[in-house]
Amino acid sequence: MSITNTLGHTAARILSLPFDLAQVNYARAVRLGFIENSLLKSAQFARELSVMERLTLGPWARRV
Protein backbone atom coordinates (compact mmCIF):
# COMPACT_ATOMS: atom_id res chain seq x y z
CA MET A 1 0.00 0.00 0.00
CA SER A 2 1.40 3.40 -0.91
CA ILE A 3 1.85 6.29 1.49
CA THR A 4 -0.91 8.20 -0.31
CA ASN A 5 -3.42 5.39 0.21
CA THR A 6 -2.39 5.03 3.84
CA LEU A 7 -2.83 8.75 4.49
CA GLY A 8 -6.21 8.69 2.75
CA HIS A 9 -7.44 5.80 4.90
CA THR A 10 -6.16 7.47 8.06
CA ALA A 11 -7.85 10.76 7.17
CA ALA A 12 -11.12 8.98 6.43
CA ARG A 13 -11.04 7.22 9.81
CA ILE A 14 -10.34 10.45 11.67
CA LEU A 15 -13.06 12.34 9.80
CA SER A 16 -15.60 9.59 10.52
CA LEU A 17 -15.11 9.78 14.31
CA PRO A 18 -17.97 12.27 14.93
CA PHE A 19 -20.38 9.92 13.18
CA ASP A 20 -19.18 6.95 15.23
CA LEU A 21 -19.63 9.00 18.39
CA ALA A 22 -23.17 9.89 17.33
CA GLN A 23 -23.98 6.17 17.01
CA VAL A 24 -22.48 5.43 20.42
CA ASN A 25 -24.40 8.28 22.04
CA TYR A 26 -27.64 7.12 20.42
CA ALA A 27 -27.12 3.61 21.81
CA ARG A 28 -26.36 4.99 25.28
CA ALA A 29 -29.48 7.15 25.20
CA VAL A 30 -31.58 4.10 24.31
CA ARG A 31 -30.02 2.06 27.13
CA LEU A 32 -30.65 4.86 29.61
CA GLY A 33 -34.28 5.18 28.48
CA PHE A 34 -34.05 8.67 26.97
CA ILE A 35 -34.96 7.30 23.53
CA GLU A 36 -37.51 4.57 22.83
CA ASN A 37 -35.97 1.17 22.09
CA SER A 38 -37.20 0.58 18.54
CA LEU A 39 -35.58 -1.30 15.67
CA LEU A 40 -37.34 0.91 13.14
CA LYS A 41 -36.20 4.15 14.76
CA SER A 42 -32.68 2.81 15.15
CA ALA A 43 -32.54 1.86 11.47
CA GLN A 44 -33.89 5.27 10.46
CA PHE A 45 -31.26 7.00 12.61
CA ALA A 46 -28.50 4.88 11.04
CA ARG A 47 -29.73 5.71 7.51
CA GLU A 48 -29.92 9.44 8.24
CA LEU A 49 -26.49 9.42 9.84
CA SER A 50 -25.08 7.59 6.82
CA VAL A 51 -26.57 10.20 4.48
CA MET A 52 -25.09 13.01 6.58
CA GLU A 53 -21.70 11.31 6.52
CA ARG A 54 -21.77 10.92 2.73
CA LEU A 55 -22.85 14.55 2.25
CA THR A 56 -20.24 15.85 4.68
CA LEU A 57 -17.24 13.70 3.82
CA GLY A 58 -17.89 13.03 0.14
CA PRO A 59 -15.23 10.65 -1.22
CA TRP A 60 -13.86 9.95 2.29
CA ALA A 61 -17.18 8.62 3.58
CA ARG A 62 -17.39 4.95 4.38
CA ARG A 63 -19.31 2.73 2.01
CA VAL A 64 -21.49 0.03 3.49
PDB file of N, CA and C in Angstrom:
ATOM      1  N   MET A   1       0.851  -1.173   0.000  1.00  0.00           N
ATOM      2  CA  MET A   1       0.000   0.000   0.000  1.00  0.00           C
ATOM      3  C   MET A   1       0.898   1.237   0.000  1.00  0.00           C
ATOM      4  N   SER A   2       0.579   2.197  -0.805  1.00  0.00           N
ATOM      5  CA  SER A   2       1.401   3.395  -0.910  1.00  0.00           C
ATOM      6  C   SER A   2       1.114   4.353   0.245  1.00  0.00           C
ATOM      7  N   ILE A   3       2.002   5.292   0.427  1.00  0.00           N
ATOM      8  CA  ILE A   3       1.846   6.287   1.486  1.00  0.00           C
ATOM      9  C   ILE A   3       0.605   7.140   1.255  1.00  0.00           C
ATOM     10  N   THR A   4       0.279   7.403   0.007  1.00  0.00           N
ATOM     11  CA  THR A   4      -0.911   8.203  -0.307  1.00  0.00           C
ATOM     12  C   THR A   4      -2.179   7.474   0.113  1.00  0.00           C
ATOM     13  N   ASN A   5      -2.242   6.180  -0.197  1.00  0.00           N
ATOM     14  CA  ASN A   5      -3.415   5.394   0.207  1.00  0.00           C
ATOM     15  C   ASN A   5      -3.522   5.315   1.722  1.00  0.00           C
ATOM     16  N   THR A   6      -2.389   5.121   2.384  1.00  0.00           N
ATOM     17  CA  THR A   6      -2.388   5.029   3.839  1.00  0.00           C
ATOM     18  C   THR A   6      -2.874   6.330   4.467  1.00  0.00           C
ATOM     19  N   LEU A   7      -2.382   7.454   3.966  1.00  0.00           N
ATOM     20  CA  LEU A   7      -2.829   8.753   4.486  1.00  0.00           C
ATOM     21  C   LEU A   7      -4.314   8.981   4.221  1.00  0.00           C
ATOM     22  N   GLY A   8      -4.787   8.554   3.065  1.00  0.00           N
ATOM     23  CA  GLY A   8      -6.212   8.688   2.748  1.00  0.00           C
ATOM     24  C   GLY A   8      -7.083   7.882   3.687  1.00  0.00           C
ATOM     25  N   HIS A   9      -6.670   6.647   3.984  1.00  0.00           N
ATOM     26  CA  HIS A   9      -7.441   5.797   4.902  1.00  0.00           C
ATOM     27  C   HIS A   9      -7.426   6.375   6.312  1.00  0.00           C
ATOM     28  N   THR A  10      -6.267   6.880   6.729  1.00  0.00           N
ATOM     29  CA  THR A  10      -6.164   7.472   8.062  1.00  0.00           C
ATOM     30  C   THR A  10      -7.052   8.716   8.172  1.00  0.00           C
ATOM     31  N   ALA A  11      -7.018   9.551   7.161  1.00  0.00           N
ATOM     32  CA  ALA A  11      -7.849  10.757   7.171  1.00  0.00           C
ATOM     33  C   ALA A  11      -9.334  10.392   7.210  1.00  0.00           C
ATOM     34  N   ALA A  12      -9.720   9.393   6.446  1.00  0.00           N
ATOM     35  CA  ALA A  12     -11.124   8.977   6.431  1.00  0.00           C
ATOM     36  C   ALA A  12     -11.566   8.472   7.799  1.00  0.00           C
ATOM     37  N   ARG A  13     -10.694   7.730   8.473  1.00  0.00           N
ATOM     38  CA  ARG A  13     -11.039   7.223   9.806  1.00  0.00           C
ATOM     39  C   ARG A  13     -11.179   8.354  10.810  1.00  0.00           C
ATOM     40  N   ILE A  14     -10.276   9.311  10.743  1.00  0.00           N
ATOM     41  CA  ILE A  14     -10.342  10.448  11.669  1.00  0.00           C
ATOM     42  C   ILE A  14     -11.596  11.281  11.404  1.00  0.00           C
ATOM     43  N   LEU A  15     -11.900  11.524  10.145  1.00  0.00           N
ATOM     44  CA  LEU A  15     -13.062  12.336   9.800  1.00  0.00           C
ATOM     45  C   LEU A  15     -14.379  11.646  10.144  1.00  0.00           C
ATOM     46  N   SER A  16     -14.367  10.319  10.219  1.00  0.00           N
ATOM     47  CA  SER A  16     -15.603   9.593  10.517  1.00  0.00           C
ATOM     48  C   SER A  16     -15.864   9.467  12.018  1.00  0.00           C
ATOM     49  N   LEU A  17     -14.933   9.888  12.854  1.00  0.00           N
ATOM     50  CA  LEU A  17     -15.111   9.776  14.305  1.00  0.00           C
ATOM     51  C   LEU A  17     -16.377  10.451  14.834  1.00  0.00           C
ATOM     52  N   PRO A  18     -16.734  11.663  14.405  1.00  0.00           N
ATOM     53  CA  PRO A  18     -17.967  12.267  14.934  1.00  0.00           C
ATOM     54  C   PRO A  18     -19.215  11.432  14.646  1.00  0.00           C
ATOM     55  N   PHE A  19     -19.227  10.746  13.515  1.00  0.00           N
ATOM     56  CA  PHE A  19     -20.385   9.920  13.176  1.00  0.00           C
ATOM     57  C   PHE A  19     -20.414   8.645  14.022  1.00  0.00           C
ATOM     58  N   ASP A  20     -19.246   8.096  14.330  1.00  0.00           N
ATOM     59  CA  ASP A  20     -19.178   6.947  15.232  1.00  0.00           C
ATOM     60  C   ASP A  20     -19.632   7.341  16.634  1.00  0.00           C
ATOM     61  N   LEU A  21     -19.211   8.524  17.073  1.00  0.00           N
ATOM     62  CA  LEU A  21     -19.630   8.999  18.389  1.00  0.00           C
ATOM     63  C   LEU A  21     -21.137   9.236  18.451  1.00  0.00           C
ATOM     64  N   ALA A  22     -21.721   9.691  17.369  1.00  0.00           N
ATOM     65  CA  ALA A  22     -23.173   9.887  17.326  1.00  0.00           C
ATOM     66  C   ALA A  22     -23.889   8.546  17.499  1.00  0.00           C
ATOM     67  N   GLN A  23     -23.372   7.501  16.863  1.00  0.00           N
ATOM     68  CA  GLN A  23     -23.983   6.175  17.010  1.00  0.00           C
ATOM     69  C   GLN A  23     -23.855   5.660  18.437  1.00  0.00           C
ATOM     70  N   VAL A  24     -22.693   5.864  19.046  1.00  0.00           N
ATOM     71  CA  VAL A  24     -22.476   5.425  20.424  1.00  0.00           C
ATOM     72  C   VAL A  24     -23.407   6.184  21.368  1.00  0.00           C
ATOM     73  N   ASN A  25     -23.518   7.484  21.174  1.00  0.00           N
ATOM     74  CA  ASN A  25     -24.396   8.276  22.039  1.00  0.00           C
ATOM     75  C   ASN A  25     -25.859   7.896  21.869  1.00  0.00           C
ATOM     76  N   TYR A  26     -26.265   7.567  20.649  1.00  0.00           N
ATOM     77  CA  TYR A  26     -27.642   7.122  20.424  1.00  0.00           C
ATOM     78  C   TYR A  26     -27.899   5.822  21.197  1.00  0.00           C
ATOM     79  N   ALA A  27     -26.958   4.894  21.105  1.00  0.00           N
ATOM     80  CA  ALA A  27     -27.116   3.612  21.806  1.00  0.00           C
ATOM     81  C   ALA A  27     -27.171   3.816  23.319  1.00  0.00           C
ATOM     82  N   ARG A  28     -26.344   4.707  23.832  1.00  0.00           N
ATOM     83  CA  ARG A  28     -26.365   4.985  25.275  1.00  0.00           C
ATOM     84  C   ARG A  28     -27.686   5.619  25.696  1.00  0.00           C
ATOM     85  N   ALA A  29     -28.202   6.514  24.877  1.00  0.00           N
ATOM     86  CA  ALA A  29     -29.481   7.153  25.197  1.00  0.00           C
ATOM     87  C   ALA A  29     -30.612   6.134  25.217  1.00  0.00           C
ATOM     88  N   VAL A  30     -30.556   5.160  24.316  1.00  0.00           N
ATOM     89  CA  VAL A  30     -31.577   4.100  24.313  1.00  0.00           C
ATOM     90  C   VAL A  30     -31.448   3.264  25.577  1.00  0.00           C
ATOM     91  N   ARG A  31     -30.228   2.881  25.927  1.00  0.00           N
ATOM     92  CA  ARG A  31     -30.017   2.059  27.128  1.00  0.00           C
ATOM     93  C   ARG A  31     -30.463   2.780  28.391  1.00  0.00           C
ATOM     94  N   LEU A  32     -30.266   4.096  28.428  1.00  0.00           N
ATOM     95  CA  LEU A  32     -30.651   4.861  29.611  1.00  0.00           C
ATOM     96  C   LEU A  32     -32.135   5.220  29.631  1.00  0.00           C
ATOM     97  N   GLY A  33     -32.844   4.948  28.533  1.00  0.00           N
ATOM     98  CA  GLY A  33     -34.275   5.185  28.485  1.00  0.00           C
ATOM     99  C   GLY A  33     -34.678   6.561  27.991  1.00  0.00           C
ATOM    100  N   PHE A  34     -33.729   7.347  27.497  1.00  0.00           N
ATOM    101  CA  PHE A  34     -34.055   8.672  26.971  1.00  0.00           C
ATOM    102  C   PHE A  34     -34.709   8.588  25.596  1.00  0.00           C
ATOM    103  N   ILE A  35     -34.395   7.524  24.857  1.00  0.00           N
ATOM    104  CA  ILE A  35     -34.959   7.302  23.528  1.00  0.00           C
ATOM    105  C   ILE A  35     -35.612   5.931  23.540  1.00  0.00           C
ATOM    106  N   GLU A  36     -36.770   5.836  22.899  1.00  0.00           N
ATOM    107  CA  GLU A  36     -37.507   4.574  22.833  1.00  0.00           C
ATOM    108  C   GLU A  36     -36.682   3.503  22.121  1.00  0.00           C
ATOM    109  N   ASN A  37     -36.676   2.302  22.681  1.00  0.00           N
ATOM    110  CA  ASN A  37     -35.968   1.175  22.091  1.00  0.00           C
ATOM    111  C   ASN A  37     -36.800   0.615  20.940  1.00  0.00           C
ATOM    112  N   SER A  38     -36.435   0.973  19.718  1.00  0.00           N
ATOM    113  CA  SER A  38     -37.199   0.580  18.540  1.00  0.00           C
ATOM    114  C   SER A  38     -36.241   0.257  17.402  1.00  0.00           C
ATOM    115  N   LEU A  39     -36.416  -0.919  16.811  1.00  0.00           N
ATOM    116  CA  LEU A  39     -35.576  -1.296  15.668  1.00  0.00           C
ATOM    117  C   LEU A  39     -35.805  -0.373  14.480  1.00  0.00           C
ATOM    118  N   LEU A  40     -37.043   0.041  14.263  1.00  0.00           N
ATOM    119  CA  LEU A  40     -37.341   0.915  13.139  1.00  0.00           C
ATOM    120  C   LEU A  40     -36.690   2.290  13.310  1.00  0.00           C
ATOM    121  N   LYS A  41     -36.802   2.843  14.513  1.00  0.00           N
ATOM    122  CA  LYS A  41     -36.197   4.154  14.757  1.00  0.00           C
ATOM    123  C   LYS A  41     -34.677   4.084  14.717  1.00  0.00           C
ATOM    124  N   SER A  42     -34.124   2.991  15.198  1.00  0.00           N
ATOM    125  CA  SER A  42     -32.681   2.811  15.148  1.00  0.00           C
ATOM    126  C   SER A  42     -32.189   2.722  13.704  1.00  0.00           C
ATOM    127  N   ALA A  43     -32.908   1.986  12.877  1.00  0.00           N
ATOM    128  CA  ALA A  43     -32.535   1.865  11.467  1.00  0.00           C
ATOM    129  C   ALA A  43     -32.666   3.205  10.752  1.00  0.00           C
ATOM    130  N   GLN A  44     -33.705   3.951  11.072  1.00  0.00           N
ATOM    131  CA  GLN A  44     -33.886   5.266  10.460  1.00  0.00           C
ATOM    132  C   GLN A  44     -32.751   6.207  10.879  1.00  0.00           C
ATOM    133  N   PHE A  45     -32.363   6.170  12.138  1.00  0.00           N
ATOM    134  CA  PHE A  45     -31.257   6.997  12.610  1.00  0.00           C
ATOM    135  C   PHE A  45     -29.969   6.623  11.876  1.00  0.00           C
ATOM    136  N   ALA A  46     -29.713   5.344  11.726  1.00  0.00           N
ATOM    137  CA  ALA A  46     -28.500   4.884  11.038  1.00  0.00           C
ATOM    138  C   ALA A  46     -28.491   5.336   9.577  1.00  0.00           C
ATOM    139  N   ARG A  47     -29.649   5.255   8.910  1.00  0.00           N
ATOM    140  CA  ARG A  47     -29.731   5.706   7.507  1.00  0.00           C
ATOM    141  C   ARG A  47     -29.477   7.205   7.399  1.00  0.00           C
ATOM    142  N   GLU A  48     -30.105   7.977   8.278  1.00  0.00           N
ATOM    143  CA  GLU A  48     -29.925   9.437   8.241  1.00  0.00           C
ATOM    144  C   GLU A  48     -28.489   9.831   8.556  1.00  0.00           C
ATOM    145  N   LEU A  49     -27.879   9.142   9.501  1.00  0.00           N
ATOM    146  CA  LEU A  49     -26.493   9.422   9.844  1.00  0.00           C
ATOM    147  C   LEU A  49     -25.564   9.075   8.685  1.00  0.00           C
ATOM    148  N   SER A  50     -25.867   7.991   7.987  1.00  0.00           N
ATOM    149  CA  SER A  50     -25.081   7.593   6.821  1.00  0.00           C
ATOM    150  C   SER A  50     -25.184   8.633   5.711  1.00  0.00           C
ATOM    151  N   VAL A  51     -26.376   9.160   5.497  1.00  0.00           N
ATOM    152  CA  VAL A  51     -26.566  10.202   4.484  1.00  0.00           C
ATOM    153  C   VAL A  51     -25.779  11.451   4.866  1.00  0.00           C
ATOM    154  N   MET A  52     -25.845  11.843   6.137  1.00  0.00           N
ATOM    155  CA  MET A  52     -25.093  13.013   6.583  1.00  0.00           C
ATOM    156  C   MET A  52     -23.590  12.808   6.405  1.00  0.00           C
ATOM    157  N   GLU A  53     -23.128  11.592   6.686  1.00  0.00           N
ATOM    158  CA  GLU A  53     -21.702  11.305   6.517  1.00  0.00           C
ATOM    159  C   GLU A  53     -21.296  11.411   5.054  1.00  0.00           C
ATOM    160  N   ARG A  54     -22.101  10.855   4.153  1.00  0.00           N
ATOM    161  CA  ARG A  54     -21.774  10.925   2.730  1.00  0.00           C
ATOM    162  C   ARG A  54     -21.809  12.353   2.214  1.00  0.00           C
ATOM    163  N   LEU A  55     -22.769  13.152   2.680  1.00  0.00           N
ATOM    164  CA  LEU A  55     -22.846  14.548   2.251  1.00  0.00           C
ATOM    165  C   LEU A  55     -21.686  15.373   2.800  1.00  0.00           C
ATOM    166  N   THR A  56     -21.290  15.083   4.031  1.00  0.00           N
ATOM    167  CA  THR A  56     -20.243  15.848   4.677  1.00  0.00           C
ATOM    168  C   THR A  56     -18.847  15.460   4.189  1.00  0.00           C
ATOM    169  N   LEU A  57     -18.584  14.170   4.119  1.00  0.00           N
ATOM    170  CA  LEU A  57     -17.236  13.703   3.816  1.00  0.00           C
ATOM    171  C   LEU A  57     -16.993  13.405   2.340  1.00  0.00           C
ATOM    172  N   GLY A  58     -18.054  13.288   1.575  1.00  0.00           N
ATOM    173  CA  GLY A  58     -17.888  13.030   0.144  1.00  0.00           C
ATOM    174  C   GLY A  58     -17.100  11.761  -0.131  1.00  0.00           C
ATOM    175  N   PRO A  59     -15.978  11.852  -0.836  1.00  0.00           N
ATOM    176  CA  PRO A  59     -15.235  10.650  -1.218  1.00  0.00           C
ATOM    177  C   PRO A  59     -14.575   9.930  -0.023  1.00  0.00           C
ATOM    178  N   TRP A  60     -14.455  10.601   1.113  1.00  0.00           N
ATOM    179  CA  TRP A  60     -13.862   9.952   2.286  1.00  0.00           C
ATOM    180  C   TRP A  60     -14.878   9.231   3.142  1.00  0.00           C
ATOM    181  N   ALA A  61     -16.134   9.303   2.810  1.00  0.00           N
ATOM    182  CA  ALA A  61     -17.179   8.622   3.577  1.00  0.00           C
ATOM    183  C   ALA A  61     -17.049   7.114   3.406  1.00  0.00           C
ATOM    184  N   ARG A  62     -17.421   6.407   4.447  1.00  0.00           N
ATOM    185  CA  ARG A  62     -17.391   4.953   4.378  1.00  0.00           C
ATOM    186  C   ARG A  62     -18.520   4.443   3.506  1.00  0.00           C
ATOM    187  N   ARG A  63     -18.281   3.378   2.833  1.00  0.00           N
ATOM    188  CA  ARG A  63     -19.305   2.725   2.007  1.00  0.00           C
ATOM    189  C   ARG A  63     -19.705   1.424   2.688  1.00  0.00           C
ATOM    190  N   VAL A  64     -21.011   1.241   2.848  1.00  0.00           N
ATOM    191  CA  VAL A  64     -21.494   0.025   3.493  1.00  0.00           C
ATOM    192  C   VAL A  64     -22.179  -0.843   2.485  1.00  0.00           C
TER     193      VAL A  64
END
